[in-house]
Amino acid sequence: MTMPRRAVPALRLKNLVLAAAFACGLVAAPSAGAQLTPAEQVMAETVTAEQERNIALLEKLVNQNSGSLHIEGVEKVGAMMRAELEPLGFKVIWKPMRETGRAGHLIATHKGREDGKRLLLIGHLDTVFEPDSPFQRFERMGDKAKGPGVGDNKGGMTVIVAALRAMQAAGTLKDANIEIHLTGDEEDSGHPLEVARADLIAAGKRSDVALGFEGLVRDGGADMSSIARRSSESWQVTASGKSGHSSGIFSAHAGDGAIYELTRILHRFRTELPEPNLTFNVGLVAGGQEVSLDEGKIRASASGKTNIIAGTAIARGDLRTLSAEQAARVKAKMAAIVADHAPGTSATLAFDPGGYPAMAPTEGNRALLTRLNAVNRDLGLAEMAPLDPLKRGAADISFVAPFVDSLAGLGSYSTGDHGPQETVDLPSIERQATRAAILMSRLAAEKR
């Protein structure tokens, strides 16, 4: 049954749900290491008491399609989140982004103490499932639920709301400085990206802490935290050769042809670039007498004959690095390889505009994980180790990470993301919301 909108008084909560909190593992049995304050105890109890209410919100969000290209659907999910945040004291605005080809972003601000730390919470309204997808509805299966975006990122948005409600019930929200950015195009960003992410970047520059509410990752059955996420950029190599009769291939006047030149480049990428935390995929290759790409650069057509030397060859791929320094160094190596032309050929290397930067593993990020693990200890939960960044993709938090200490992976735990079996672990919403509420309350109480 959905709980009433107003929080249950703390003493009544303590009598009614403390046993349930112990049973689900959100609040551990008293131990020498447990140091929850009375307000923090109320937060833990509130999240547990409101679990069904939170699941009802998740179901509502999931059942409204919000594929990145479904502008009206994204706007409707934004309106649903506005309805949750305004009663908590947030000033909510909708920032239209039609100029980028996308719906826009929801930005919510809560003013607290003038000297308190400023927290930035990041999530996204859109999913990868457009209205023509057959995967459209929320389906509950005991402690799990399946649906489009149920984990990525509607589970994360539910965690945000659940944590903020708990803070309100405990009295810690009123003094907290919190800004929330829910982008409407995280899964398929609008262009130009510098416009699409301008508000988020500006928020990062004026914040003290950034918390990303994309999904929790487990490794070996243990909850992990993300202090780093790798970049994501797309590249293209275009090789050219002298088209002519195949009998002249490799001769001084004909040269090696475009396809051999492209093959040389890709082989050297594979053998000379590898280093820790770096991946570079080749996703599309085409070559022949003539080659063309579609507008989206995801389809290629080529024409040629076995007895004609290829005049053009194209390869497209992606590059993922852990820091801006690594990206610059690897790009320089790629450029040098491309420039070392085979006889009678030429080639160019270009990077698509609008890539996602890296969230490097800084000392400030590690300090935030230490703070989160203090919360874990006080809740009687296992400490969380930093996740190997090779096991995560890029995310919006990376745009602010160069400017502010950042921690990611605070959303719900799910499996099968981006596919028709996307399934959320419902108890993870309780666990993550409790962690987040206490962590945010402790951080917000600190002076800048």
Protein backbone atom coordinates (compact mmCIF):
# COMPACT_ATOMS: atom_id res chain seq x y z
CA MET A 1 0.00 0.00 0.00
CA THR A 2 1.32 3.44 -0.87
CA MET A 3 2.24 5.45 2.19
CA PRO A 4 0.64 8.90 2.72
CA ARG A 5 2.66 11.81 1.34
CA ARG A 6 3.48 13.21 4.78
CA ALA A 7 6.19 11.33 6.64
CA VAL A 8 5.20 9.16 9.62
CA PRO A 9 6.45 10.71 12.90
CA ALA A 10 9.82 9.39 13.98
CA LEU A 11 8.67 7.71 17.23
CA ARG A 12 5.85 5.91 15.48
CA LEU A 13 8.25 4.83 12.75
CA LYS A 14 10.65 3.49 15.33
CA ASN A 15 7.92 1.34 16.89
CA LEU A 16 6.42 0.16 13.61
CA VAL A 17 9.30 -0.48 11.22
CA LEU A 18 12.59 -0.89 13.06
CA ALA A 19 12.22 -4.66 13.06
CA ALA A 20 11.53 -4.59 9.34
CA ALA A 21 14.64 -2.49 8.80
CA PHE A 22 16.74 -5.03 10.68
CA ALA A 23 15.19 -7.87 8.68
CA CYS A 24 15.99 -6.40 5.27
CA GLY A 25 19.56 -5.57 6.23
CA LEU A 26 19.27 -1.81 5.78
CA VAL A 27 19.80 -1.22 9.49
CA ALA A 28 22.11 -3.65 11.19
CA ALA A 29 21.66 -4.96 14.69
CA PRO A 30 23.39 -2.68 17.20
CA SER A 31 27.15 -3.12 17.21
CA ALA A 32 30.21 -1.40 18.59
CA GLY A 33 30.82 0.28 15.22
CA ALA A 34 27.29 1.55 14.66
CA GLN A 35 27.08 5.33 15.17
CA LEU A 36 23.84 6.49 13.56
CA THR A 37 22.48 9.68 15.00
CA PRO A 38 18.79 9.83 15.90
CA ALA A 39 18.11 11.74 12.66
CA GLU A 40 19.98 9.15 10.65
CA GLN A 41 17.99 6.39 12.32
CA VAL A 42 14.81 8.19 11.21
CA MET A 43 16.14 8.33 7.64
CA ALA A 44 16.79 4.59 7.57
CA GLU A 45 13.36 3.87 9.02
CA THR A 46 11.61 6.26 6.63
CA VAL A 47 13.13 4.66 3.55
CA THR A 48 12.00 1.23 4.75
CA ALA A 49 8.50 2.41 5.62
CA GLU A 50 8.08 4.07 2.21
CA GLN A 51 9.45 1.25 0.04
CA GLU A 52 6.09 0.47 -1.55
CA ARG A 53 5.49 4.15 -2.19
CA ASN A 54 8.85 4.35 -3.90
CA ILE A 55 8.13 1.30 -6.02
CA ALA A 56 4.82 2.88 -7.07
CA LEU A 57 6.73 5.95 -8.23
CA LEU A 58 9.15 3.77 -10.16
CA GLU A 59 6.26 1.99 -11.87
CA LYS A 60 4.71 5.32 -12.87
CA LEU A 61 7.99 6.58 -14.32
CA VAL A 62 8.67 3.38 -16.23
CA ASN A 63 5.21 3.20 -17.78
CA GLN A 64 5.72 6.59 -19.42
CA ASN A 65 7.95 6.07 -22.44
CA SER A 66 10.81 8.55 -22.49
CA GLY A 67 13.11 7.43 -25.28
CA SER A 68 15.72 10.10 -25.98
CA LEU A 69 14.03 11.05 -29.25
CA HIS A 70 10.50 11.03 -27.77
CA ILE A 71 10.43 14.69 -26.82
CA GLU A 72 6.90 14.72 -25.38
CA GLY A 73 7.58 11.58 -23.36
CA VAL A 74 10.73 13.00 -21.81
CA GLU A 75 8.83 16.16 -20.94
CA LYS A 76 6.11 14.10 -19.23
CA VAL A 77 8.66 12.28 -17.07
CA GLY A 78 10.15 15.65 -16.22
CA ALA A 79 6.70 16.80 -15.08
CA MET A 80 6.39 13.68 -12.88
CA MET A 81 9.69 14.47 -11.21
CA ARG A 82 8.69 18.10 -10.76
CA ALA A 83 5.60 16.87 -8.87
CA GLU A 84 7.85 14.92 -6.51
CA LEU A 85 10.48 17.61 -5.92
CA GLU A 86 8.43 20.76 -5.48
CA PRO A 87 6.64 19.48 -2.33
CA LEU A 88 10.11 18.86 -0.86
CA GLY A 89 10.92 22.56 -1.17
CA PHE A 90 12.79 22.54 -4.48
CA LYS A 91 12.49 25.31 -7.03
CA VAL A 92 12.10 23.43 -10.31
CA ILE A 93 12.65 24.75 -13.83
CA TRP A 94 12.44 23.05 -17.20
CA LYS A 95 15.25 24.00 -19.59
CA PRO A 96 14.07 23.33 -23.16
CA MET A 97 16.68 21.94 -25.55
CA ARG A 98 14.76 21.74 -28.82
CA GLU A 99 17.68 23.53 -30.49
CA THR A 100 19.79 20.41 -29.90
CA GLY A 101 17.10 18.06 -31.19
CA ARG A 102 16.15 16.85 -27.71
CA ALA A 103 13.48 17.66 -25.13
CA GLY A 104 15.44 19.42 -22.40
CA HIS A 105 16.58 19.10 -18.80
CA LEU A 106 14.93 19.36 -15.39
CA ILE A 107 16.88 21.51 -12.93
CA ALA A 108 15.81 21.65 -9.27
CA THR A 109 17.39 23.79 -6.56
CA HIS A 110 17.03 23.66 -2.78
CA LYS A 111 18.52 26.53 -0.78
CA GLY A 112 19.96 25.72 2.64
CA ARG A 113 22.57 27.29 4.92
CA GLU A 114 24.63 29.98 3.26
CA ASP A 115 27.90 28.41 4.40
CA GLY A 116 26.94 24.76 3.82
CA LYS A 117 28.48 22.54 1.18
CA ARG A 118 26.70 22.58 -2.18
CA LEU A 119 25.68 19.16 -3.49
CA LEU A 120 24.98 18.37 -7.14
CA LEU A 121 22.83 15.29 -7.86
CA ILE A 122 22.90 13.94 -11.42
CA GLY A 123 20.55 11.56 -13.22
CA HIS A 124 18.63 11.38 -16.49
CA LEU A 125 15.03 11.29 -17.65
CA ASP A 126 15.48 9.47 -20.95
CA THR A 127 15.94 5.80 -21.83
CA VAL A 128 17.17 3.93 -24.89
CA PHE A 129 13.67 2.56 -25.58
CA GLU A 130 11.75 4.65 -28.11
CA PRO A 131 7.94 4.47 -28.57
CA ASP A 132 8.28 1.82 -31.30
CA SER A 133 10.05 -0.57 -28.92
CA PRO A 134 7.94 -3.58 -27.87
CA PHE A 135 9.37 -3.19 -24.34
CA GLN A 136 7.11 -0.62 -22.72
CA ARG A 137 5.63 -1.69 -19.37
CA PHE A 138 6.61 -2.22 -15.74
CA GLU A 139 6.26 -5.78 -14.49
CA ARG A 140 6.85 -6.70 -10.86
CA MET A 141 8.22 -10.12 -9.97
CA GLY A 142 8.55 -10.30 -6.19
CA ASP A 143 11.72 -8.48 -5.19
CA LYS A 144 12.51 -7.68 -8.82
CA ALA A 145 10.82 -5.64 -11.51
CA LYS A 146 11.31 -5.53 -15.26
CA GLY A 147 10.69 -2.58 -17.55
CA PRO A 148 12.26 -0.05 -19.93
CA GLY A 149 14.64 2.13 -17.95
CA VAL A 150 13.64 0.46 -14.68
CA GLY A 151 17.27 0.65 -13.64
CA ASP A 152 18.79 3.09 -16.13
CA ASN A 153 17.83 5.61 -14.96
CA LYS A 154 14.34 5.60 -13.51
CA GLY A 155 15.56 3.45 -10.64
CA GLY A 156 18.20 6.11 -9.98
CA MET A 157 15.63 8.90 -9.99
CA THR A 158 13.52 6.90 -7.54
CA VAL A 159 16.53 6.60 -5.23
CA ILE A 160 16.97 10.39 -5.35
CA VAL A 161 13.34 11.02 -4.37
CA ALA A 162 13.37 8.34 -1.66
CA ALA A 163 16.54 9.77 -0.11
CA LEU A 164 15.24 13.34 -0.15
CA ARG A 165 11.95 12.28 1.47
CA ALA A 166 13.92 10.56 4.20
CA MET A 167 15.99 13.70 4.75
CA GLN A 168 12.83 15.77 5.01
CA ALA A 169 11.36 13.37 7.56
CA ALA A 170 14.54 13.57 9.64
CA GLY A 171 14.81 17.36 9.41
CA THR A 172 18.16 17.36 7.56
CA LEU A 173 16.86 18.60 4.21
CA LYS A 174 15.87 22.09 5.34
CA ASP A 175 19.48 23.28 5.73
CA ALA A 176 20.89 21.42 2.71
CA ASN A 177 22.09 23.13 -0.45
CA ILE A 178 21.18 20.71 -3.22
CA GLU A 179 20.97 21.16 -6.97
CA ILE A 180 19.55 18.37 -9.12
CA HIS A 181 20.19 18.01 -12.85
CA LEU A 182 18.14 15.39 -14.70
CA THR A 183 19.21 15.51 -18.32
CA GLY A 184 16.82 14.52 -21.07
CA ASP A 185 19.40 13.16 -23.49
CA GLU A 186 21.98 11.12 -21.60
CA GLU A 187 21.45 8.01 -23.72
CA ASP A 188 21.60 9.91 -27.04
CA SER A 189 22.90 13.42 -26.50
CA GLY A 190 21.77 16.45 -28.45
CA HIS A 191 24.12 18.54 -30.56
CA PRO A 192 26.08 20.64 -30.17
CA LEU A 193 27.09 18.97 -26.94
CA GLU A 194 28.58 22.16 -25.57
CA VAL A 195 25.05 23.58 -25.60
CA ALA A 196 23.40 20.40 -24.35
CA ARG A 197 25.70 20.20 -21.30
CA ALA A 198 26.34 23.88 -20.61
CA ASP A 199 23.95 24.07 -17.63
CA LEU A 200 25.33 20.89 -16.08
CA ILE A 201 28.92 22.05 -16.41
CA ALA A 202 28.05 25.42 -14.88
CA ALA A 203 26.41 23.61 -11.96
CA GLY A 204 29.53 21.52 -11.45
CA LYS A 205 31.69 24.62 -11.26
CA ARG A 206 29.58 26.09 -8.45
CA SER A 207 29.24 22.84 -6.45
CA ASP A 208 31.43 21.23 -3.80
CA VAL A 209 30.37 17.61 -4.37
CA ALA A 210 28.79 15.80 -7.32
CA LEU A 211 26.87 12.54 -6.84
CA GLY A 212 25.84 10.43 -9.84
CA PHE A 213 22.69 8.34 -9.53
CA GLU A 214 23.22 5.98 -12.42
CA GLY A 215 23.19 2.33 -11.45
CA LEU A 216 25.01 0.55 -8.69
CA VAL A 217 27.39 -2.15 -9.95
CA ARG A 218 28.10 -5.39 -8.16
CA ASP A 219 31.26 -7.39 -8.62
CA GLY A 220 31.54 -10.85 -7.13
CA GLY A 221 28.24 -10.26 -5.32
CA ALA A 222 29.51 -7.13 -3.55
CA ASP A 223 28.23 -3.58 -3.97
CA MET A 224 30.88 -1.39 -5.59
CA SER A 225 31.32 2.36 -5.89
CA SER A 226 32.64 4.34 -8.85
CA ILE A 227 35.34 6.94 -8.28
CA ALA A 228 36.25 6.90 -11.98
CA ARG A 229 34.55 6.50 -15.34
CA ARG A 230 36.25 6.41 -18.70
CA SER A 231 35.69 8.80 -21.59
CA SER A 232 33.86 7.95 -24.79
CA GLU A 233 34.86 9.46 -28.13
CA SER A 234 34.33 8.41 -31.74
CA TRP A 235 37.08 8.54 -34.36
CA GLN A 236 37.33 8.07 -38.11
CA VAL A 237 40.28 7.16 -40.30
CA THR A 238 39.90 7.89 -44.01
CA ALA A 239 42.55 6.39 -46.26
CA SER A 240 43.07 7.28 -49.92
CA GLY A 241 45.00 5.55 -52.67
CA LYS A 242 45.51 5.73 -56.43
CA SER A 243 42.67 3.89 -58.10
CA GLY A 244 43.81 1.90 -61.13
CA HIS A 245 44.30 -1.55 -62.60
CA SER A 246 45.02 -4.19 -59.98
CA SER A 247 48.01 -5.49 -61.90
CA GLY A 248 49.95 -2.45 -60.76
CA ILE A 249 49.35 -2.88 -57.02
CA PHE A 250 52.47 -2.21 -54.91
CA SER A 251 54.35 -0.72 -57.87
CA ALA A 252 56.08 2.64 -57.63
CA HIS A 253 53.47 4.35 -59.80
CA ALA A 254 50.34 2.71 -58.23
CA GLY A 255 51.29 2.34 -54.58
CA ASP A 256 49.55 0.18 -51.99
CA GLY A 257 45.96 1.33 -52.38
CA ALA A 258 43.55 2.63 -49.74
CA ILE A 259 42.53 -0.68 -48.19
CA TYR A 260 46.10 -1.76 -47.51
CA GLU A 261 46.83 1.66 -46.03
CA LEU A 262 43.81 1.38 -43.73
CA THR A 263 44.82 -2.16 -42.78
CA ARG A 264 48.32 -0.96 -41.91
CA ILE A 265 46.89 1.72 -39.64
CA LEU A 266 44.46 -0.57 -37.83
CA HIS A 267 47.13 -3.22 -37.32
CA ARG A 268 49.48 -0.68 -35.77
CA PHE A 269 46.68 0.63 -33.54
CA ARG A 270 46.16 -2.90 -32.27
CA THR A 271 49.84 -3.61 -31.64
CA GLU A 272 51.18 -0.21 -30.53
CA LEU A 273 48.40 1.52 -28.58
CA PRO A 274 47.46 -0.92 -25.77
CA GLU A 275 48.04 0.32 -22.21
CA PRO A 276 46.14 0.10 -18.89
CA ASN A 277 42.59 1.52 -18.81
CA LEU A 278 42.53 2.12 -22.58
CA THR A 279 40.22 0.55 -25.16
CA PHE A 280 39.84 1.43 -28.83
CA ASN A 281 37.23 -0.39 -30.85
CA VAL A 282 36.75 -0.54 -34.62
CA GLY A 283 33.02 -0.65 -35.26
CA LEU A 284 32.63 -0.01 -39.00
CA VAL A 285 34.93 -0.57 -41.99
CA ALA A 286 34.31 -0.03 -45.70
CA GLY A 287 36.60 0.21 -48.71
CA GLY A 288 36.55 0.15 -52.49
CA GLN A 289 36.70 2.32 -55.56
CA GLU A 290 34.07 4.55 -53.94
CA VAL A 291 32.77 4.70 -50.34
CA SER A 292 30.01 6.75 -48.72
CA LEU A 293 28.57 7.08 -45.21
CA ASP A 294 24.99 7.91 -44.27
CA GLU A 295 24.17 11.10 -42.35
CA GLY A 296 24.42 9.38 -38.98
CA LYS A 297 27.72 7.70 -39.91
CA ILE A 298 26.38 4.31 -38.84
CA ARG A 299 25.94 2.79 -42.32
CA ALA A 300 28.45 2.58 -45.16
CA SER A 301 28.18 1.65 -48.82
CA ALA A 302 31.08 0.71 -51.06
CA SER A 303 31.56 -0.23 -54.69
CA GLY A 304 34.54 -1.76 -56.41
CA LYS A 305 35.90 -4.70 -58.34
CA THR A 306 38.57 -7.26 -57.65
CA ASN A 307 40.67 -5.90 -60.51
CA ILE A 308 40.53 -2.25 -59.40
CA ILE A 309 42.83 -0.83 -56.72
CA ALA A 310 40.73 0.63 -53.93
CA GLY A 311 40.70 4.41 -53.95
CA THR A 312 39.05 4.97 -50.56
CA ALA A 313 38.74 3.10 -47.25
CA ILE A 314 37.09 4.25 -44.04
CA ALA A 315 37.12 2.92 -40.48
CA ARG A 316 35.07 4.27 -37.58
CA GLY A 317 35.55 3.35 -33.96
CA ASP A 318 35.59 4.59 -30.39
CA LEU A 319 38.25 5.50 -27.87
CA ARG A 320 37.90 5.26 -24.08
CA THR A 321 40.46 6.65 -21.66
CA LEU A 322 40.68 7.29 -17.92
CA SER A 323 42.03 10.84 -17.97
CA ALA A 324 42.45 13.86 -20.22
CA GLU A 325 46.22 13.29 -20.13
CA GLN A 326 45.83 9.71 -21.35
CA ALA A 327 43.43 10.82 -24.09
CA ALA A 328 45.85 13.47 -25.37
CA ARG A 329 48.78 11.05 -25.36
CA VAL A 330 46.92 8.24 -27.14
CA LYS A 331 45.51 10.61 -29.74
CA ALA A 332 49.02 11.83 -30.50
CA LYS A 333 50.19 8.23 -31.02
CA MET A 334 47.22 7.53 -33.28
CA ALA A 335 47.97 10.64 -35.34
CA ALA A 336 51.63 9.62 -35.76
CA ILE A 337 50.64 6.15 -36.95
CA VAL A 338 48.14 7.56 -39.44
CA ALA A 339 50.71 10.04 -40.80
CA ASP A 340 53.30 7.32 -41.56
CA HIS A 341 51.81 6.60 -44.99
CA ALA A 342 52.36 3.52 -47.09
CA PRO A 343 53.64 4.17 -50.64
CA GLY A 344 51.22 6.05 -52.89
CA THR A 345 48.63 6.63 -50.17
CA SER A 346 47.42 9.24 -47.71
CA ALA A 347 45.19 9.12 -44.65
CA THR A 348 43.50 11.41 -42.14
CA LEU A 349 42.35 10.95 -38.55
CA ALA A 350 39.38 12.87 -37.18
CA PHE A 351 37.43 12.79 -33.91
CA ASP A 352 33.70 13.45 -33.87
CA PRO A 353 32.65 16.53 -31.89
CA GLY A 354 30.77 15.99 -28.66
CA GLY A 355 32.59 13.14 -26.93
CA TYR A 356 32.21 12.37 -23.23
CA PRO A 357 35.25 13.26 -21.08
CA ALA A 358 36.78 10.99 -18.46
CA MET A 359 36.07 11.05 -14.74
CA ALA A 360 39.59 10.51 -13.43
CA PRO A 361 40.19 8.72 -10.08
CA THR A 362 41.23 11.75 -8.01
CA GLU A 363 42.10 11.95 -4.33
CA GLY A 364 38.95 13.98 -3.80
CA ASN A 365 36.85 11.19 -5.28
CA ARG A 366 38.59 8.64 -3.07
CA ALA A 367 37.83 10.81 -0.04
CA LEU A 368 34.13 10.76 -0.95
CA LEU A 369 34.22 6.97 -1.08
CA THR A 370 35.80 7.00 2.38
CA ARG A 371 32.86 9.10 3.57
CA LEU A 372 30.40 6.67 1.98
CA ASN A 373 32.12 3.74 3.66
CA ALA A 374 31.75 5.47 7.03
CA VAL A 375 28.01 5.44 6.33
CA ASN A 376 28.21 1.77 5.42
CA ARG A 377 29.97 0.94 8.66
CA ASP A 378 27.41 2.84 10.72
CA LEU A 379 24.61 1.00 8.93
CA GLY A 380 26.32 -2.34 9.50
CA LEU A 381 26.79 -2.80 5.74
CA ALA A 382 29.90 -4.06 4.02
CA GLU A 383 32.35 -1.42 2.86
CA MET A 384 32.39 -0.73 -0.87
CA ALA A 385 35.54 -1.03 -2.95
CA PRO A 386 36.16 1.19 -6.00
CA LEU A 387 34.94 -0.43 -9.20
CA ASP A 388 37.41 -1.16 -11.99
CA PRO A 389 36.66 1.66 -14.50
CA LEU A 390 36.91 -0.86 -17.33
CA LYS A 391 33.56 -2.20 -16.09
CA ARG A 392 31.64 1.07 -16.57
CA GLY A 393 30.81 3.25 -19.53
CA ALA A 394 30.71 7.03 -19.78
CA ALA A 395 28.10 9.16 -18.01
CA ASP A 396 27.01 12.75 -17.45
CA ILE A 397 28.95 13.04 -14.18
CA SER A 398 32.13 13.07 -16.26
CA PHE A 399 31.30 16.55 -17.53
CA VAL A 400 31.59 17.99 -14.02
CA ALA A 401 34.32 15.72 -12.64
CA PRO A 402 37.17 18.04 -13.75
CA PHE A 403 35.72 20.76 -11.51
CA VAL A 404 34.34 19.00 -8.42
CA ASP A 405 34.90 15.93 -6.25
CA SER A 406 32.63 13.24 -7.67
CA LEU A 407 31.18 9.85 -6.77
CA ALA A 408 29.07 7.72 -9.10
CA GLY A 409 26.99 4.55 -8.88
CA LEU A 410 24.45 5.72 -6.27
CA GLY A 411 21.43 4.49 -8.24
CA SER A 412 19.63 1.16 -8.02
CA TYR A 413 21.15 -2.19 -8.97
CA SER A 414 19.86 -3.66 -12.20
CA THR A 415 20.79 -6.24 -14.82
CA GLY A 416 20.19 -6.40 -18.56
CA ASP A 417 20.25 -2.63 -19.00
CA HIS A 418 19.47 -1.36 -22.52
CA GLY A 419 17.81 -4.66 -23.43
CA PRO A 420 14.36 -6.26 -23.21
CA GLN A 421 15.25 -7.99 -19.93
CA GLU A 422 16.26 -4.86 -18.00
CA THR A 423 15.49 -5.82 -14.40
CA VAL A 424 15.90 -3.90 -11.16
CA ASP A 425 16.60 -5.38 -7.74
CA LEU A 426 13.95 -3.62 -5.65
CA PRO A 427 15.69 -3.98 -2.24
CA SER A 428 18.64 -2.09 -3.73
CA ILE A 429 16.42 1.01 -3.87
CA GLU A 430 16.08 0.90 -0.06
CA ARG A 431 19.76 0.27 0.48
CA GLN A 432 20.93 2.97 -1.91
CA ALA A 433 18.42 5.58 -0.75
CA THR A 434 19.44 5.03 2.86
CA ARG A 435 23.12 5.36 2.03
CA ALA A 436 22.47 8.46 -0.06
CA ALA A 437 20.25 10.18 2.51
CA ILE A 438 22.79 9.81 5.30
CA LEU A 439 25.77 10.67 3.10
CA MET A 440 24.07 13.79 1.72
CA SER A 441 22.98 14.88 5.20
CA ARG A 442 26.51 14.57 6.55
CA LEU A 443 28.06 16.38 3.59
CA ALA A 444 25.46 19.14 3.55
CA ALA A 445 26.07 19.86 7.25
CA GLU A 446 29.73 20.65 6.59
CA LYS A 447 30.95 24.17 5.94
CA ARG A 448 32.42 25.05 2.58
